N, C-alpha and C. Protein backbone atom coordinates (compact mmCIF):
# COMPACT_ATOMS: atom_id res chain seq x y z
N MET A 1 0.82 -1.19 0.00
CA MET A 1 0.00 0.00 0.00
C MET A 1 0.87 1.26 0.00
N LYS A 2 1.98 1.24 0.77
CA LYS A 2 2.87 2.38 0.82
C LYS A 2 3.48 2.65 -0.56
N VAL A 3 3.80 1.59 -1.28
CA VAL A 3 4.39 1.73 -2.62
C VAL A 3 3.39 2.38 -3.56
N VAL A 4 2.14 1.98 -3.50
CA VAL A 4 1.10 2.57 -4.36
C VAL A 4 0.93 4.04 -4.05
N ARG A 5 0.88 4.39 -2.77
CA ARG A 5 0.74 5.80 -2.39
C ARG A 5 1.94 6.61 -2.87
N ALA A 6 3.12 6.06 -2.72
CA ALA A 6 4.34 6.76 -3.17
C ALA A 6 4.31 6.97 -4.68
N CYS A 7 3.87 5.96 -5.42
CA CYS A 7 3.79 6.09 -6.89
C CYS A 7 2.76 7.14 -7.29
N VAL A 8 1.60 7.12 -6.63
CA VAL A 8 0.56 8.11 -6.94
C VAL A 8 1.05 9.51 -6.61
N LEU A 9 1.69 9.66 -5.46
CA LEU A 9 2.22 10.96 -5.07
C LEU A 9 3.28 11.45 -6.07
N ALA A 10 4.18 10.55 -6.48
CA ALA A 10 5.20 10.92 -7.46
C ALA A 10 4.57 11.34 -8.78
N LEU A 11 3.54 10.62 -9.21
CA LEU A 11 2.84 10.95 -10.45
C LEU A 11 2.18 12.32 -10.35
N LEU A 12 1.55 12.60 -9.21
CA LEU A 12 0.92 13.91 -9.02
C LEU A 12 1.94 15.04 -9.04
N VAL A 13 3.10 14.81 -8.44
CA VAL A 13 4.16 15.83 -8.45
C VAL A 13 4.62 16.08 -9.88
N VAL A 14 4.86 15.00 -10.62
CA VAL A 14 5.32 15.14 -12.00
C VAL A 14 4.29 15.89 -12.83
N LEU A 15 3.01 15.50 -12.71
CA LEU A 15 1.96 16.15 -13.50
C LEU A 15 1.80 17.62 -13.12
N SER A 16 1.98 17.94 -11.86
CA SER A 16 1.82 19.34 -11.45
C SER A 16 2.99 20.20 -11.88
N CYS A 17 4.13 19.59 -12.19
CA CYS A 17 5.31 20.34 -12.60
C CYS A 17 5.39 20.54 -14.11
N ARG A 18 4.51 19.91 -14.86
CA ARG A 18 4.54 20.08 -16.31
C ARG A 18 4.20 21.52 -16.65
N PRO A 19 4.86 22.09 -17.67
CA PRO A 19 4.52 23.45 -18.06
C PRO A 19 3.11 23.50 -18.63
N ALA A 20 2.47 24.63 -18.47
CA ALA A 20 1.13 24.80 -19.01
C ALA A 20 1.18 24.68 -20.53
N ARG A 21 0.17 24.07 -21.07
CA ARG A 21 0.11 23.91 -22.52
C ARG A 21 -0.27 25.25 -23.14
N VAL A 22 0.52 25.68 -24.10
CA VAL A 22 0.24 26.94 -24.78
C VAL A 22 -0.42 26.60 -26.09
N THR A 23 -1.54 27.18 -26.34
CA THR A 23 -2.29 26.88 -27.56
C THR A 23 -2.10 28.00 -28.56
N PRO A 24 -2.36 27.73 -29.84
CA PRO A 24 -2.26 28.79 -30.84
C PRO A 24 -3.14 29.99 -30.52
N GLU A 25 -4.25 29.76 -29.83
CA GLU A 25 -5.14 30.88 -29.50
C GLU A 25 -4.53 31.79 -28.45
N SER A 26 -3.68 31.23 -27.57
CA SER A 26 -3.11 32.03 -26.48
C SER A 26 -1.78 32.66 -26.86
N SER A 27 -1.18 32.22 -27.94
CA SER A 27 0.10 32.78 -28.36
C SER A 27 0.15 32.81 -29.88
N PRO A 28 0.46 33.96 -30.46
CA PRO A 28 0.44 34.05 -31.92
C PRO A 28 1.57 33.29 -32.59
N THR A 29 2.57 32.83 -31.85
CA THR A 29 3.69 32.16 -32.50
C THR A 29 3.67 30.65 -32.32
N VAL A 30 2.72 30.13 -31.53
CA VAL A 30 2.68 28.71 -31.28
C VAL A 30 1.80 28.04 -32.31
N GLY A 31 2.18 26.86 -32.71
CA GLY A 31 1.46 26.08 -33.70
C GLY A 31 2.48 25.42 -34.57
N PRO A 32 2.05 24.46 -35.31
CA PRO A 32 3.03 23.75 -36.13
C PRO A 32 3.58 24.64 -37.25
N ALA A 33 4.86 24.56 -37.44
CA ALA A 33 5.48 25.29 -38.55
C ALA A 33 5.13 24.57 -39.85
N THR A 34 4.72 25.33 -40.84
CA THR A 34 4.42 24.74 -42.15
C THR A 34 5.38 25.25 -43.22
N LEU A 35 6.06 26.36 -42.91
CA LEU A 35 6.98 26.98 -43.86
C LEU A 35 8.28 27.37 -43.16
N ALA A 36 9.33 27.43 -43.95
CA ALA A 36 10.61 27.94 -43.46
C ALA A 36 11.11 28.96 -44.47
N ARG A 37 11.55 30.10 -43.98
CA ARG A 37 12.17 31.12 -44.82
C ARG A 37 13.65 31.08 -44.48
N VAL A 38 14.47 30.81 -45.49
CA VAL A 38 15.90 30.60 -45.29
C VAL A 38 16.67 31.69 -46.01
N TYR A 39 17.61 32.30 -45.30
CA TYR A 39 18.49 33.32 -45.88
C TYR A 39 19.93 32.81 -45.77
N TYR A 40 20.66 32.92 -46.87
CA TYR A 40 22.05 32.50 -46.92
C TYR A 40 22.94 33.73 -47.06
N TRP A 41 23.97 33.82 -46.21
CA TRP A 41 24.91 34.94 -46.21
C TRP A 41 26.32 34.38 -46.21
N ARG A 42 27.23 35.14 -46.75
CA ARG A 42 28.65 34.77 -46.70
C ARG A 42 29.40 35.92 -46.04
N ALA A 43 30.07 35.62 -44.92
CA ALA A 43 30.89 36.63 -44.26
C ALA A 43 32.02 37.02 -45.19
N LYS A 44 32.31 38.29 -45.25
CA LYS A 44 33.42 38.75 -46.08
C LYS A 44 34.74 38.21 -45.52
N PRO A 45 35.75 38.09 -46.36
CA PRO A 45 37.04 37.55 -45.89
C PRO A 45 37.55 38.30 -44.66
N GLY A 46 37.92 37.53 -43.67
CA GLY A 46 38.45 38.11 -42.44
C GLY A 46 37.40 38.68 -41.50
N LYS A 47 36.11 38.54 -41.83
CA LYS A 47 35.04 39.15 -41.04
C LYS A 47 34.14 38.13 -40.34
N LEU A 48 34.51 36.87 -40.36
CA LEU A 48 33.65 35.84 -39.79
C LEU A 48 33.34 36.10 -38.31
N ALA A 49 34.36 36.30 -37.51
CA ALA A 49 34.15 36.53 -36.08
C ALA A 49 33.36 37.81 -35.83
N GLU A 50 33.64 38.84 -36.61
CA GLU A 50 32.95 40.11 -36.45
C GLU A 50 31.47 39.97 -36.82
N TYR A 51 31.20 39.22 -37.89
CA TYR A 51 29.81 39.00 -38.28
C TYR A 51 29.10 38.12 -37.26
N ASN A 52 29.78 37.12 -36.70
CA ASN A 52 29.18 36.31 -35.64
C ASN A 52 28.77 37.18 -34.46
N ARG A 53 29.63 38.14 -34.09
CA ARG A 53 29.29 39.07 -32.99
C ARG A 53 28.08 39.91 -33.36
N TYR A 54 28.04 40.38 -34.61
CA TYR A 54 26.90 41.18 -35.05
C TYR A 54 25.60 40.38 -34.94
N VAL A 55 25.64 39.15 -35.40
CA VAL A 55 24.44 38.30 -35.33
C VAL A 55 24.00 38.15 -33.88
N ARG A 56 24.93 37.87 -33.00
CA ARG A 56 24.61 37.64 -31.60
C ARG A 56 24.16 38.93 -30.89
N ASP A 57 24.87 40.04 -31.13
CA ASP A 57 24.64 41.26 -30.36
C ASP A 57 23.59 42.20 -30.95
N VAL A 58 23.42 42.16 -32.27
CA VAL A 58 22.50 43.10 -32.93
C VAL A 58 21.29 42.39 -33.51
N ALA A 59 21.52 41.35 -34.33
CA ALA A 59 20.41 40.69 -35.00
C ALA A 59 19.54 39.89 -34.04
N GLU A 60 20.16 39.21 -33.09
CA GLU A 60 19.38 38.39 -32.17
C GLU A 60 18.34 39.19 -31.38
N PRO A 61 18.68 40.34 -30.80
CA PRO A 61 17.64 41.11 -30.11
C PRO A 61 16.50 41.56 -31.04
N ILE A 62 16.82 41.84 -32.28
CA ILE A 62 15.77 42.21 -33.25
C ILE A 62 14.87 41.01 -33.48
N ASP A 63 15.47 39.84 -33.67
CA ASP A 63 14.68 38.63 -33.88
C ASP A 63 13.80 38.33 -32.68
N VAL A 64 14.34 38.47 -31.48
CA VAL A 64 13.57 38.22 -30.26
C VAL A 64 12.37 39.15 -30.19
N GLU A 65 12.59 40.41 -30.50
CA GLU A 65 11.49 41.39 -30.48
C GLU A 65 10.43 41.02 -31.51
N ALA A 66 10.83 40.66 -32.71
CA ALA A 66 9.86 40.30 -33.76
C ALA A 66 9.11 39.02 -33.38
N GLN A 67 9.82 38.06 -32.84
CA GLN A 67 9.18 36.81 -32.44
C GLN A 67 8.18 37.06 -31.31
N ARG A 68 8.54 37.89 -30.37
CA ARG A 68 7.66 38.22 -29.24
C ARG A 68 6.34 38.80 -29.73
N ARG A 69 6.38 39.47 -30.86
CA ARG A 69 5.17 40.08 -31.42
C ARG A 69 4.50 39.20 -32.48
N GLY A 70 4.93 37.95 -32.58
CA GLY A 70 4.24 36.99 -33.43
C GLY A 70 4.69 36.92 -34.87
N ALA A 71 5.87 37.44 -35.19
CA ALA A 71 6.33 37.46 -36.57
C ALA A 71 6.68 36.07 -37.10
N PHE A 72 7.12 35.18 -36.23
CA PHE A 72 7.52 33.84 -36.64
C PHE A 72 7.55 32.95 -35.41
N ILE A 73 7.67 31.64 -35.63
CA ILE A 73 7.70 30.68 -34.52
C ILE A 73 9.08 30.64 -33.89
N SER A 74 10.11 30.47 -34.73
CA SER A 74 11.48 30.41 -34.20
C SER A 74 12.46 30.75 -35.31
N VAL A 75 13.69 31.04 -34.91
CA VAL A 75 14.76 31.29 -35.86
C VAL A 75 16.02 30.61 -35.33
N THR A 76 16.76 30.04 -36.24
CA THR A 76 18.04 29.41 -35.90
C THR A 76 19.06 29.87 -36.93
N THR A 77 20.25 30.16 -36.47
CA THR A 77 21.35 30.52 -37.36
C THR A 77 22.38 29.41 -37.33
N TYR A 78 22.73 28.94 -38.51
CA TYR A 78 23.76 27.91 -38.65
C TYR A 78 24.99 28.55 -39.28
N VAL A 79 26.15 28.12 -38.85
CA VAL A 79 27.42 28.58 -39.43
C VAL A 79 28.10 27.37 -40.04
N ALA A 80 28.45 27.48 -41.32
CA ALA A 80 29.07 26.36 -42.03
C ALA A 80 30.49 26.15 -41.55
N ARG A 81 30.85 24.91 -41.34
CA ARG A 81 32.23 24.57 -41.01
C ARG A 81 33.05 24.34 -42.27
N ASP A 82 32.36 23.98 -43.33
CA ASP A 82 33.01 23.69 -44.60
C ASP A 82 33.38 25.01 -45.28
N THR A 83 34.65 25.28 -45.40
CA THR A 83 35.10 26.54 -46.00
C THR A 83 34.80 26.61 -47.49
N LEU A 84 34.46 25.49 -48.11
CA LEU A 84 34.10 25.49 -49.53
C LEU A 84 32.62 25.76 -49.76
N SER A 85 31.84 25.83 -48.69
CA SER A 85 30.42 26.12 -48.81
C SER A 85 30.24 27.52 -49.40
N PRO A 86 29.22 27.72 -50.24
CA PRO A 86 29.00 29.06 -50.79
C PRO A 86 28.50 30.06 -49.75
N TRP A 87 28.02 29.58 -48.61
CA TRP A 87 27.53 30.45 -47.55
C TRP A 87 28.26 30.14 -46.25
N THR A 88 28.36 31.14 -45.39
CA THR A 88 28.91 30.91 -44.05
C THR A 88 27.80 30.88 -43.01
N HIS A 89 26.72 31.60 -43.26
CA HIS A 89 25.62 31.70 -42.30
C HIS A 89 24.29 31.41 -43.00
N MET A 90 23.49 30.59 -42.35
CA MET A 90 22.16 30.29 -42.84
C MET A 90 21.18 30.59 -41.71
N HIS A 91 20.26 31.51 -41.96
CA HIS A 91 19.24 31.88 -40.97
C HIS A 91 17.94 31.22 -41.41
N ILE A 92 17.35 30.42 -40.53
CA ILE A 92 16.10 29.73 -40.86
C ILE A 92 15.01 30.21 -39.91
N PHE A 93 14.00 30.85 -40.49
CA PHE A 93 12.82 31.28 -39.74
C PHE A 93 11.73 30.25 -39.96
N LEU A 94 11.21 29.66 -38.89
CA LEU A 94 10.08 28.75 -39.00
C LEU A 94 8.80 29.56 -38.86
N LEU A 95 7.88 29.31 -39.78
CA LEU A 95 6.65 30.11 -39.87
C LEU A 95 5.43 29.21 -39.79
N ARG A 96 4.41 29.74 -39.19
CA ARG A 96 3.15 29.01 -39.04
C ARG A 96 2.42 28.87 -40.38
N ASP A 97 2.42 29.96 -41.16
CA ASP A 97 1.62 29.95 -42.37
C ASP A 97 2.07 31.05 -43.33
N SER A 98 1.38 31.17 -44.45
CA SER A 98 1.75 32.16 -45.46
C SER A 98 1.53 33.59 -44.98
N ALA A 99 0.65 33.80 -44.01
CA ALA A 99 0.46 35.15 -43.46
C ALA A 99 1.72 35.60 -42.72
N GLN A 100 2.31 34.71 -41.93
CA GLN A 100 3.57 35.06 -41.26
C GLN A 100 4.67 35.28 -42.30
N LEU A 101 4.69 34.45 -43.33
CA LEU A 101 5.69 34.62 -44.39
C LEU A 101 5.56 35.99 -45.04
N ALA A 102 4.34 36.37 -45.39
CA ALA A 102 4.10 37.64 -46.06
C ALA A 102 4.51 38.83 -45.19
N GLY A 103 4.38 38.68 -43.87
CA GLY A 103 4.67 39.80 -42.98
C GLY A 103 6.06 39.80 -42.38
N LEU A 104 6.87 38.80 -42.69
CA LEU A 104 8.16 38.64 -42.01
C LEU A 104 9.09 39.83 -42.20
N THR A 105 9.29 40.26 -43.42
CA THR A 105 10.22 41.36 -43.68
C THR A 105 9.80 42.63 -42.96
N ASP A 106 8.51 42.96 -43.05
CA ASP A 106 8.02 44.17 -42.38
C ASP A 106 8.10 44.04 -40.86
N ALA A 107 7.81 42.84 -40.34
CA ALA A 107 7.87 42.64 -38.89
C ALA A 107 9.29 42.81 -38.37
N LEU A 108 10.26 42.31 -39.11
CA LEU A 108 11.66 42.49 -38.71
C LEU A 108 12.07 43.96 -38.78
N ALA A 109 11.60 44.66 -39.80
CA ALA A 109 11.90 46.10 -39.93
C ALA A 109 11.29 46.88 -38.76
N ARG A 110 10.06 46.55 -38.40
CA ARG A 110 9.42 47.23 -37.27
C ARG A 110 10.15 46.94 -35.96
N ALA A 111 10.60 45.70 -35.79
CA ALA A 111 11.36 45.35 -34.58
C ALA A 111 12.67 46.14 -34.54
N ARG A 112 13.31 46.26 -35.69
CA ARG A 112 14.56 47.03 -35.79
C ARG A 112 14.30 48.48 -35.40
N GLU A 113 13.19 49.04 -35.87
CA GLU A 113 12.84 50.44 -35.56
C GLU A 113 12.51 50.62 -34.08
N ARG A 114 11.83 49.63 -33.48
CA ARG A 114 11.51 49.74 -32.06
C ARG A 114 12.77 49.71 -31.21
N LEU A 115 13.74 48.87 -31.59
CA LEU A 115 14.96 48.77 -30.80
C LEU A 115 15.94 49.90 -31.08
N GLU A 116 15.86 50.47 -32.28
CA GLU A 116 16.72 51.62 -32.63
C GLU A 116 15.87 52.65 -33.35
N PRO A 117 15.20 53.54 -32.58
CA PRO A 117 14.29 54.51 -33.19
C PRO A 117 14.99 55.56 -34.06
N ASP A 118 16.27 55.79 -33.84
CA ASP A 118 17.01 56.80 -34.59
C ASP A 118 17.34 56.28 -35.99
N SER A 119 16.74 56.89 -37.02
CA SER A 119 16.92 56.40 -38.39
C SER A 119 18.36 56.56 -38.87
N THR A 120 19.06 57.57 -38.40
CA THR A 120 20.46 57.75 -38.79
C THR A 120 21.31 56.60 -38.25
N ARG A 121 21.07 56.23 -37.01
CA ARG A 121 21.82 55.11 -36.43
C ARG A 121 21.50 53.80 -37.14
N ARG A 122 20.22 53.61 -37.53
CA ARG A 122 19.86 52.40 -38.28
C ARG A 122 20.58 52.37 -39.62
N ARG A 123 20.65 53.52 -40.28
CA ARG A 123 21.35 53.59 -41.58
C ARG A 123 22.83 53.27 -41.42
N VAL A 124 23.46 53.84 -40.41
CA VAL A 124 24.89 53.59 -40.16
C VAL A 124 25.11 52.11 -39.84
N ARG A 125 24.21 51.53 -39.04
CA ARG A 125 24.32 50.11 -38.71
C ARG A 125 24.18 49.25 -39.97
N GLY A 126 23.27 49.62 -40.86
CA GLY A 126 23.10 48.91 -42.12
C GLY A 126 24.33 49.01 -43.00
N GLU A 127 24.94 50.19 -43.04
CA GLU A 127 26.18 50.36 -43.82
C GLU A 127 27.31 49.51 -43.23
N TYR A 128 27.38 49.46 -41.91
CA TYR A 128 28.39 48.63 -41.26
C TYR A 128 28.15 47.15 -41.59
N LEU A 129 26.89 46.73 -41.53
CA LEU A 129 26.56 45.34 -41.83
C LEU A 129 27.00 44.97 -43.25
N ALA A 130 26.86 45.89 -44.17
CA ALA A 130 27.27 45.63 -45.56
C ALA A 130 28.77 45.37 -45.68
N THR A 131 29.55 45.82 -44.72
CA THR A 131 31.00 45.55 -44.74
C THR A 131 31.33 44.17 -44.18
N LEU A 132 30.33 43.50 -43.59
CA LEU A 132 30.57 42.23 -42.93
C LEU A 132 30.16 41.01 -43.75
N ARG A 133 29.19 41.18 -44.65
CA ARG A 133 28.64 40.01 -45.33
C ARG A 133 28.14 40.35 -46.72
N ASP A 134 27.95 39.29 -47.49
CA ASP A 134 27.31 39.38 -48.81
C ASP A 134 26.15 38.41 -48.83
N ARG A 135 25.09 38.81 -49.49
CA ARG A 135 23.93 37.93 -49.62
C ARG A 135 24.23 36.86 -50.66
N VAL A 136 23.95 35.61 -50.31
CA VAL A 136 24.15 34.51 -51.24
C VAL A 136 22.83 34.10 -51.87
N GLY A 137 21.76 34.17 -51.09
CA GLY A 137 20.45 33.80 -51.63
C GLY A 137 19.44 33.59 -50.53
N ASP A 138 18.26 33.17 -50.93
CA ASP A 138 17.20 32.88 -49.98
C ASP A 138 16.25 31.88 -50.62
N SER A 139 15.43 31.30 -49.78
CA SER A 139 14.49 30.29 -50.26
C SER A 139 13.35 30.17 -49.28
N THR A 140 12.19 29.85 -49.80
CA THR A 140 11.04 29.52 -48.95
C THR A 140 10.78 28.03 -49.15
N LEU A 141 10.70 27.32 -48.03
CA LEU A 141 10.53 25.88 -48.07
C LEU A 141 9.25 25.47 -47.37
N GLU A 142 8.59 24.48 -47.91
CA GLU A 142 7.45 23.89 -47.25
C GLU A 142 7.98 22.78 -46.35
N ILE A 143 7.46 22.69 -45.13
CA ILE A 143 7.93 21.69 -44.20
C ILE A 143 7.08 20.44 -44.40
N LEU A 144 7.72 19.35 -44.73
CA LEU A 144 7.04 18.10 -45.02
C LEU A 144 6.59 17.40 -43.74
N ARG A 145 7.48 17.36 -42.76
CA ARG A 145 7.11 16.73 -41.48
C ARG A 145 7.91 17.32 -40.36
């Protein structure tokens, strides 16, 4: 009997510690991803570490702000180890649907403006970014599973 009580008590503790289930209705970014928007960039020669810092210190807060407002489900940045790869950085935004896809660019721009309201500073930051990387391409992918 003591073993049964201990098992029931342990089960109740485990169940009570589970995080609350977040539904698509309660959060604009939750739900299965159906699309991925992928951007490929190549760090300019000698700028890999500097561009990594930029991604971490400047781009990441912008992404967090846009995600917080429902622009996308998640974003991951991959860095290629293969020096022969045409890209050094691949940013993958997971999106719920075509509405998020259609609004992604504007949502990121609005997040950038909220975090840096001064348009001159945003322009200077954009010019600096252009010294760090070159665009290789982009793609929109449907997620199969």
